[in-house]
């Protein structure tokens, strides 16, 4: 950026450095539409929701997955809108909040299905038994009224460490220590499906896609810790809140298969058995016309009309020089210039349009 950008660009020079005196910023810069929080989905400056731009061909692939009740495997370069697609489907079809399952190299199938805090339950059970043992002599040596008081104290202690599981009050309720994961929550029996985003599956362990096959094929799974109990059902918590749902006999089985959107950056191939069970969608990088529509959609027609030179620079670096660039890098550059910041070519090429696969210096 030019040397005098901070003086001429209004709010650009927020941080001065160099031992500058502390100063309060009273006119904080407005965030880009895609970085505004607290209003649900991203919105334009005029308050309208940002639409999801998709070609007719790609839209038909999405509808194919919906009609077949199959997972949608979405591949494409970073910034092509893979993850955003799940939110667009959930919003348009009124299917509630998206259940997000981010995958990394340590992710296992059980992480997506449920988590059981066995250590916490064992600790609370030990505290409960210790309290009962301490209270027993007092109950036997005193009157019936004292015994009633001791029982009340014991109930209060059990309440602080979870409700009781067995009829005699000997163990905390197992449901207090079990929470369904994103995949497990998506498979709960409902009349309308939830949307599940399995993000960046290609970053996971090589066995994870095969581990998912049975769950995707049968639409159900078992929680062994609950299946071993004699109780007909236990209420457990779900992902995304403190709602509790009953699990009958330790099995969770969907009535309608969830809308599963699986994203992949193409870092590795998936086994044929897994691919056979998915509907595949490959999102292409947007061309010049699509980029113009994206900029206009986010920042308005006036800004979009003045962004042709930045779009041309972006395309030249992405296509001619084969830099790994994402669309939001272009949006960042357009937004900064629209905010009054002077952008020179060196800044564009070396800072804002830095290749995503470029190693740190």
Protein backbone atom coordinates (compact mmCIF):
# COMPACT_ATOMS: atom_id res chain seq x y z
CA UNK A 1 0.00 0.00 0.00
CA UNK A 2 1.15 3.52 -0.63
CA UNK A 3 3.09 5.31 2.06
CA UNK A 4 0.44 8.00 2.59
CA UNK A 5 -2.50 5.61 2.56
CA UNK A 6 -3.02 6.01 6.30
CA UNK A 7 -3.32 9.82 5.98
CA UNK A 8 -5.61 9.92 2.95
CA UNK A 9 -7.78 6.90 3.59
CA UNK A 10 -9.62 8.00 6.71
CA UNK A 11 -9.99 4.98 8.98
CA UNK A 12 -7.25 2.98 7.30
CA UNK A 13 -4.48 3.86 9.78
CA UNK A 14 -6.09 2.47 12.92
CA UNK A 15 -2.91 0.93 14.27
CA UNK A 16 0.14 3.17 14.02
CA UNK A 17 2.89 1.30 15.84
CA UNK A 18 6.31 2.79 16.49
CA UNK A 19 5.50 3.77 20.06
CA UNK A 20 2.45 5.85 19.14
CA UNK A 21 0.41 7.21 22.02
CA UNK A 22 -2.75 5.24 22.94
CA UNK A 23 -5.77 6.57 21.09
CA UNK A 24 -9.43 5.52 21.16
CA UNK A 25 -10.99 4.66 17.80
CA UNK A 26 -14.50 6.11 17.87
CA UNK A 27 -15.38 5.35 14.24
CA UNK A 28 -14.70 1.64 13.93
CA UNK A 29 -14.64 0.45 10.28
CA UNK A 30 -17.72 -1.37 9.05
CA UNK A 31 -17.15 -5.07 8.46
CA UNK A 32 -17.63 -6.66 5.04
CA UNK A 33 -21.06 -8.30 4.69
CA UNK A 34 -19.54 -11.78 4.93
CA UNK A 35 -17.84 -10.88 8.27
CA UNK A 36 -20.89 -9.58 10.13
CA UNK A 37 -22.09 -11.66 13.04
CA UNK A 38 -25.16 -11.88 15.23
CA UNK A 39 -27.78 -11.66 12.46
CA UNK A 40 -27.97 -15.27 11.38
CA UNK A 41 -26.83 -15.84 7.81
CA UNK A 42 -24.59 -13.26 6.07
CA UNK A 43 -26.46 -10.25 4.72
CA UNK A 44 -25.86 -7.39 2.32
CA UNK A 45 -25.49 -3.84 3.51
CA UNK A 46 -29.17 -3.28 2.71
CA UNK A 47 -30.17 -6.12 5.08
CA UNK A 48 -31.12 -8.68 2.43
CA UNK A 49 -29.81 -12.22 2.75
CA UNK A 50 -26.93 -13.14 0.48
CA UNK A 51 -28.13 -15.66 -2.14
CA UNK A 52 -26.09 -18.72 -3.05
CA UNK A 53 -25.07 -18.54 -6.71
CA UNK A 54 -25.11 -21.94 -8.39
CA UNK A 55 -25.37 -23.10 -11.98
CA UNK A 56 -28.41 -25.00 -13.22
CA UNK A 57 -26.33 -28.11 -13.73
CA UNK A 58 -24.94 -28.06 -10.18
CA UNK A 59 -28.38 -27.27 -8.76
CA UNK A 60 -29.73 -30.42 -10.45
CA UNK A 61 -27.00 -32.50 -8.82
CA UNK A 62 -28.01 -31.16 -5.39
CA UNK A 63 -31.65 -32.03 -6.07
CA UNK A 64 -30.60 -35.51 -7.18
CA UNK A 65 -29.01 -36.14 -3.79
CA UNK A 66 -32.09 -34.80 -2.02
CA UNK A 67 -34.46 -37.06 -3.94
CA UNK A 68 -32.25 -40.14 -3.55
CA UNK A 69 -31.64 -39.48 0.16
CA UNK A 70 -27.92 -39.93 -0.48
CA UNK A 71 -24.93 -37.97 0.89
CA UNK A 72 -23.73 -35.19 -1.40
CA UNK A 73 -19.93 -35.27 -1.82
CA UNK A 74 -18.81 -31.77 -2.84
CA UNK A 75 -15.29 -31.28 -4.16
CA UNK A 76 -13.55 -28.18 -5.43
CA UNK A 77 -10.79 -25.68 -4.80
CA UNK A 78 -10.82 -23.60 -1.61
CA UNK A 79 -13.27 -20.71 -1.83
CA UNK A 80 -15.66 -22.27 -4.34
CA UNK A 81 -18.55 -22.38 -1.85
CA UNK A 82 -18.51 -26.02 -0.73
CA UNK A 83 -19.36 -25.44 2.93
CA UNK A 84 -21.69 -22.54 2.15
CA UNK A 85 -23.84 -24.88 0.06
CA UNK A 86 -25.01 -26.77 3.17
CA UNK A 87 -26.14 -23.53 4.82
CA UNK A 88 -27.91 -22.44 1.63
CA UNK A 89 -29.89 -25.69 1.47
CA UNK A 90 -30.84 -25.52 5.15
CA UNK A 91 -31.92 -21.89 4.89
CA UNK A 92 -33.96 -22.25 1.68
CA UNK A 93 -35.72 -25.46 2.75
CA UNK A 94 -36.30 -24.30 6.37
CA UNK A 95 -34.44 -27.25 7.87
CA UNK A 96 -33.02 -25.46 10.90
CA UNK A 97 -29.43 -24.84 11.91
CA UNK A 98 -26.74 -26.82 10.13
CA UNK A 99 -25.08 -29.52 12.22
CA UNK A 100 -21.35 -28.99 11.65
CA UNK A 101 -18.84 -31.84 11.93
CA UNK A 102 -15.31 -30.59 11.15
CA UNK A 103 -12.92 -33.44 10.37
CA UNK A 104 -9.21 -33.61 11.13
CA UNK A 105 -6.56 -36.33 11.23
CA UNK A 106 -7.66 -37.48 14.71
CA UNK A 107 -11.41 -37.65 14.00
CA UNK A 108 -13.12 -41.01 14.47
CA UNK A 109 -16.62 -42.22 13.71
CA UNK A 110 -17.52 -42.19 17.41
CA UNK A 111 -16.74 -38.44 17.53
CA UNK A 112 -19.58 -37.86 15.11
CA UNK A 113 -22.00 -40.31 16.74
CA UNK A 114 -21.75 -39.60 20.48
CA UNK A 115 -19.40 -38.78 23.36
CA UNK A 116 -19.62 -40.48 26.74
CA UNK A 117 -17.95 -38.95 29.79
CA UNK A 118 -17.27 -42.19 31.69
CA UNK A 119 -14.64 -40.57 33.91
CA UNK A 120 -17.03 -37.82 35.01
CA UNK A 121 -19.77 -40.33 35.81
CA UNK A 122 -17.36 -42.52 37.77
CA UNK A 123 -16.19 -39.51 39.78
CA UNK A 124 -19.73 -38.40 40.62
CA UNK A 125 -20.77 -41.95 41.50
CA UNK A 126 -17.83 -42.19 43.89
CA UNK A 127 -18.79 -38.89 45.53
CA UNK A 128 -22.39 -40.08 45.84
CA UNK A 129 -21.36 -43.37 47.49
CA UNK A 130 -18.97 -41.54 49.81
CA UNK A 131 -21.77 -39.24 50.95
CA UNK A 132 -24.11 -42.20 51.54
CA UNK A 133 -21.45 -43.96 53.63
CA UNK A 134 -20.82 -40.86 55.72
CA UNK A 135 -24.52 -40.28 56.30
CA UNK A 136 -25.37 -43.90 57.27
CA UNK A 137 -24.31 -43.83 60.98
CA UNK A 138 -26.26 -40.66 61.63
CA UNK A 139 -29.36 -42.22 60.15
CA UNK A 140 -29.13 -45.31 62.37
CA UNK A 141 -28.42 -43.50 65.67
CA UNK A 142 -31.07 -40.79 65.53
CA UNK A 143 -34.81 -40.51 65.36
CA UNK A 144 -36.96 -40.99 62.27
CA UNK A 145 -36.99 -37.25 61.81
CA UNK A 146 -33.21 -37.21 61.67
CA UNK A 147 -33.29 -40.04 59.16
CA UNK A 148 -35.59 -38.02 56.95
CA UNK A 149 -33.17 -35.11 57.12
CA UNK A 150 -30.23 -37.32 56.14
CA UNK A 151 -32.13 -38.72 53.17
CA UNK A 152 -32.91 -35.20 52.06
CA UNK A 153 -29.25 -34.25 52.26
CA UNK A 154 -28.33 -37.30 50.18
CA UNK A 155 -30.86 -36.33 47.52
CA UNK A 156 -29.43 -32.82 47.39
CA UNK A 157 -25.93 -34.21 46.86
CA UNK A 158 -27.15 -36.49 44.08
CA UNK A 159 -28.75 -33.50 42.42
CA UNK A 160 -25.45 -31.64 42.26
CA UNK A 161 -23.75 -34.54 40.50
CA UNK A 162 -26.56 -35.62 38.18
CA UNK A 163 -29.84 -37.43 38.61
CA UNK A 164 -29.81 -41.03 39.74
CA UNK A 165 -29.69 -43.93 37.31
CA UNK A 166 -30.77 -47.03 39.27
CA UNK A 167 -34.00 -47.39 41.23
CA UNK A 168 -32.12 -47.40 44.55
CA UNK A 169 -30.35 -44.15 43.71
CA UNK A 170 -26.90 -45.78 43.69
CA UNK A 171 -25.58 -44.32 40.42
CA UNK A 172 -25.84 -40.99 38.59
CA UNK A 173 -28.03 -40.99 35.49
CA UNK A 174 -25.94 -42.07 32.51
CA UNK A 175 -27.88 -39.66 30.29
CA UNK A 176 -26.25 -36.72 32.09
CA UNK A 177 -22.86 -37.85 30.77
CA UNK A 178 -23.73 -38.70 27.19
CA UNK A 179 -24.16 -36.25 24.29
CA UNK A 180 -24.97 -37.13 20.69
CA UNK A 181 -22.46 -35.82 18.15
CA UNK A 182 -23.40 -34.00 14.92
CA UNK A 183 -23.95 -37.23 12.98
CA UNK A 184 -25.81 -38.85 15.87
CA UNK A 185 -28.06 -35.80 16.24
CA UNK A 186 -28.76 -35.80 12.49
CA UNK A 187 -29.91 -39.44 12.68
CA UNK A 188 -32.55 -38.86 15.36
CA UNK A 189 -36.05 -39.97 14.24
CA UNK A 190 -37.80 -36.91 12.82
CA UNK A 191 -40.40 -36.22 10.16
CA UNK A 192 -38.13 -33.64 8.46
CA UNK A 193 -34.39 -34.08 7.98
CA UNK A 194 -31.61 -32.01 9.51
CA UNK A 195 -28.68 -30.78 7.43
CA UNK A 196 -25.30 -32.23 8.39
CA UNK A 197 -22.07 -30.68 7.09
CA UNK A 198 -19.13 -33.10 7.21
CA UNK A 199 -16.35 -30.62 6.52
CA UNK A 200 -13.08 -31.62 4.82
CA UNK A 201 -13.44 -35.39 5.02
CA UNK A 202 -10.20 -35.79 3.05
CA UNK A 203 -8.27 -34.50 6.09
CA UNK A 204 -9.47 -37.43 8.19
CA UNK A 205 -8.01 -40.88 8.78
CA UNK A 206 -7.96 -43.13 5.72
CA UNK A 207 -10.40 -45.53 7.41
CA UNK A 208 -13.04 -42.92 8.26
CA UNK A 209 -14.91 -43.05 4.90
CA UNK A 210 -15.24 -46.83 5.19
CA UNK A 211 -16.36 -46.49 8.82
CA UNK A 212 -19.20 -44.26 7.66
CA UNK A 213 -20.54 -46.79 5.16
CA UNK A 214 -22.70 -48.83 7.53
CA UNK A 215 -24.19 -45.76 9.21
CA UNK A 216 -25.01 -44.13 5.87
CA UNK A 217 -26.45 -47.35 4.50
CA UNK A 218 -28.57 -48.33 7.52
CA UNK A 219 -29.40 -44.88 8.89
CA UNK A 220 -28.95 -46.02 12.48
CA UNK A 221 -26.36 -46.87 15.11
CA UNK A 222 -26.12 -48.38 18.58
CA UNK A 223 -24.82 -46.83 21.79
CA UNK A 224 -23.41 -49.87 23.66
CA UNK A 225 -23.36 -48.08 27.03
CA UNK A 226 -27.14 -47.66 26.79
CA UNK A 227 -27.90 -50.99 25.12
CA UNK A 228 -26.50 -52.82 28.16
CA UNK A 229 -28.99 -51.14 30.52
CA UNK A 230 -32.30 -52.77 31.37
CA UNK A 231 -34.15 -49.46 31.18
CA UNK A 232 -36.28 -49.06 28.04
CA UNK A 233 -35.08 -45.55 27.28
CA UNK A 234 -32.64 -42.89 28.48
CA UNK A 235 -32.74 -39.18 27.67
CA UNK A 236 -29.46 -37.77 26.34
CA UNK A 237 -28.28 -34.35 25.19
CA UNK A 238 -27.79 -33.39 21.55
CA UNK A 239 -25.32 -31.27 19.64
CA UNK A 240 -26.01 -27.56 19.61
CA UNK A 241 -27.77 -27.08 22.94
CA UNK A 242 -29.10 -28.64 26.11
CA UNK A 243 -32.14 -30.29 24.54
CA UNK A 244 -32.64 -33.86 25.73
CA UNK A 245 -34.11 -36.64 23.62
CA UNK A 246 -35.05 -40.23 24.49
CA UNK A 247 -32.99 -43.11 23.11
CA UNK A 248 -34.96 -46.36 23.24
CA UNK A 249 -32.94 -49.52 23.86
CA UNK A 250 -29.65 -47.80 23.06
CA UNK A 251 -30.42 -47.41 19.33
CA UNK A 252 -30.75 -44.22 17.30
CA UNK A 253 -32.56 -44.76 13.97
CA UNK A 254 -33.68 -42.04 11.58
CA UNK A 255 -37.09 -41.95 9.92
CA UNK A 256 -35.89 -39.62 7.16
CA UNK A 257 -32.24 -39.70 6.10
CA UNK A 258 -30.55 -36.36 6.87
CA UNK A 259 -29.29 -34.00 4.19
CA UNK A 260 -25.58 -34.86 4.38
CA UNK A 261 -23.14 -32.51 2.62
CA UNK A 262 -19.56 -33.81 2.64
CA UNK A 263 -16.82 -31.45 1.49
CA UNK A 264 -13.39 -32.37 0.16
CA UNK A 265 -10.52 -30.30 -1.17
CA UNK A 266 -9.39 -33.23 -3.31
CA UNK A 267 -6.28 -33.92 -1.24
CA UNK A 268 -6.80 -37.68 -1.58
CA UNK A 269 -9.08 -40.21 -3.22
CA UNK A 270 -11.92 -42.04 -1.49
CA UNK A 271 -12.60 -45.80 -1.77
CA UNK A 272 -15.03 -46.89 -4.50
CA UNK A 273 -17.45 -48.38 -1.97
CA UNK A 274 -17.80 -44.96 -0.35
CA UNK A 275 -18.14 -43.09 -3.67
CA UNK A 276 -20.86 -45.52 -4.78
CA UNK A 277 -23.05 -44.36 -1.90
CA UNK A 278 -22.64 -40.64 -2.62
CA UNK A 279 -23.88 -38.22 -5.25
CA UNK A 280 -20.83 -36.27 -6.41
CA UNK A 281 -20.69 -32.56 -7.19
CA UNK A 282 -17.52 -30.85 -8.41
CA UNK A 283 -17.72 -27.07 -8.00
CA UNK A 284 -15.67 -25.23 -10.59
CA UNK A 285 -13.80 -22.01 -9.97
CA UNK A 286 -15.92 -19.01 -11.03
CA UNK A 287 -15.07 -17.34 -14.33
CA UNK A 288 -15.00 -13.59 -14.96
CA UNK A 289 -18.77 -13.23 -15.32
CA UNK A 290 -19.43 -15.28 -12.19
CA UNK A 291 -16.88 -13.24 -10.22
CA UNK A 292 -18.60 -10.05 -11.35
CA UNK A 293 -21.93 -11.43 -10.09
CA UNK A 294 -20.37 -12.46 -6.77
CA UNK A 295 -18.84 -9.03 -6.16
CA UNK A 296 -22.09 -7.31 -7.10
CA UNK A 297 -24.09 -9.66 -4.86
CA UNK A 298 -21.92 -8.93 -1.83
CA UNK A 299 -21.06 -5.27 -2.29
CA UNK A 300 -23.69 -3.83 -4.60
CA UNK A 301 -23.97 -2.91 -8.28
CA UNK A 302 -22.02 0.34 -7.99
CA UNK A 303 -19.02 -1.33 -6.39
CA UNK A 304 -19.22 -4.26 -8.78
CA UNK A 305 -19.12 -1.95 -11.79
CA UNK A 306 -15.85 -0.45 -10.56
CA UNK A 307 -14.21 -3.79 -9.81
CA UNK A 308 -13.45 -4.89 -13.36
CA UNK A 309 -9.73 -4.11 -13.10
CA UNK A 310 -9.35 -6.02 -9.84
CA UNK A 311 -11.23 -8.98 -11.32
CA UNK A 312 -8.93 -8.94 -14.35
CA UNK A 313 -5.84 -8.86 -12.12
CA UNK A 314 -7.24 -11.70 -10.01
CA UNK A 315 -7.98 -13.86 -13.07
CA UNK A 316 -4.54 -13.19 -14.53
CA UNK A 317 -2.83 -14.36 -11.37
CA UNK A 318 -5.15 -17.33 -10.82
CA UNK A 319 -5.32 -18.65 -14.37
CA UNK A 320 -2.28 -17.35 -16.27
CA UNK A 321 0.20 -17.61 -13.38
CA UNK A 322 -1.66 -20.59 -11.84
CA UNK A 323 -1.76 -19.16 -8.34
CA UNK A 324 -3.98 -20.96 -5.82
CA UNK A 325 -6.43 -18.15 -5.08
CA UNK A 326 -9.86 -18.12 -3.41
CA UNK A 327 -12.76 -15.87 -4.34
CA UNK A 328 -12.85 -14.23 -0.92
CA UNK A 329 -9.35 -12.84 -1.58
CA UNK A 330 -10.86 -10.86 -4.45
CA UNK A 331 -13.75 -9.74 -2.26
CA UNK A 332 -11.29 -8.55 0.38
CA UNK A 333 -9.43 -6.43 -2.16
CA UNK A 334 -12.60 -4.91 -3.60
CA UNK A 335 -13.98 -4.12 -0.14
CA UNK A 336 -10.76 -2.44 0.99
CA UNK A 337 -10.60 -0.24 -2.07
CA UNK A 338 -14.27 0.64 -1.75
CA UNK A 339 -13.55 1.65 1.87
CA UNK A 340 -11.05 4.24 0.63
CA UNK A 341 -7.81 2.30 1.02
CA UNK A 342 -5.30 2.82 -1.76
CA UNK A 343 -4.11 -0.49 -3.19
CA UNK A 344 -1.01 -0.59 -5.37
CA UNK A 345 -0.12 -3.51 -7.61
CA UNK A 346 2.61 -4.79 -5.30
CA UNK A 347 0.16 -5.05 -2.41
CA UNK A 348 -2.36 -6.88 -4.57
CA UNK A 349 0.12 -9.38 -5.90
CA UNK A 350 2.20 -10.04 -2.80
CA UNK A 351 -0.24 -9.56 0.08
CA UNK A 352 -3.93 -9.81 -0.80
CA UNK A 353 -3.47 -12.14 -3.79
CA UNK A 354 -0.86 -14.39 -2.21
CA UNK A 355 -1.13 -17.97 -3.38
CA UNK A 356 -2.74 -20.31 -0.84
CA UNK A 357 -0.15 -23.02 -1.50
CA UNK A 358 2.77 -20.66 -1.06
CA UNK A 359 5.05 -21.61 1.83
CA UNK A 360 5.80 -19.01 4.47
CA UNK A 361 9.02 -17.15 3.91
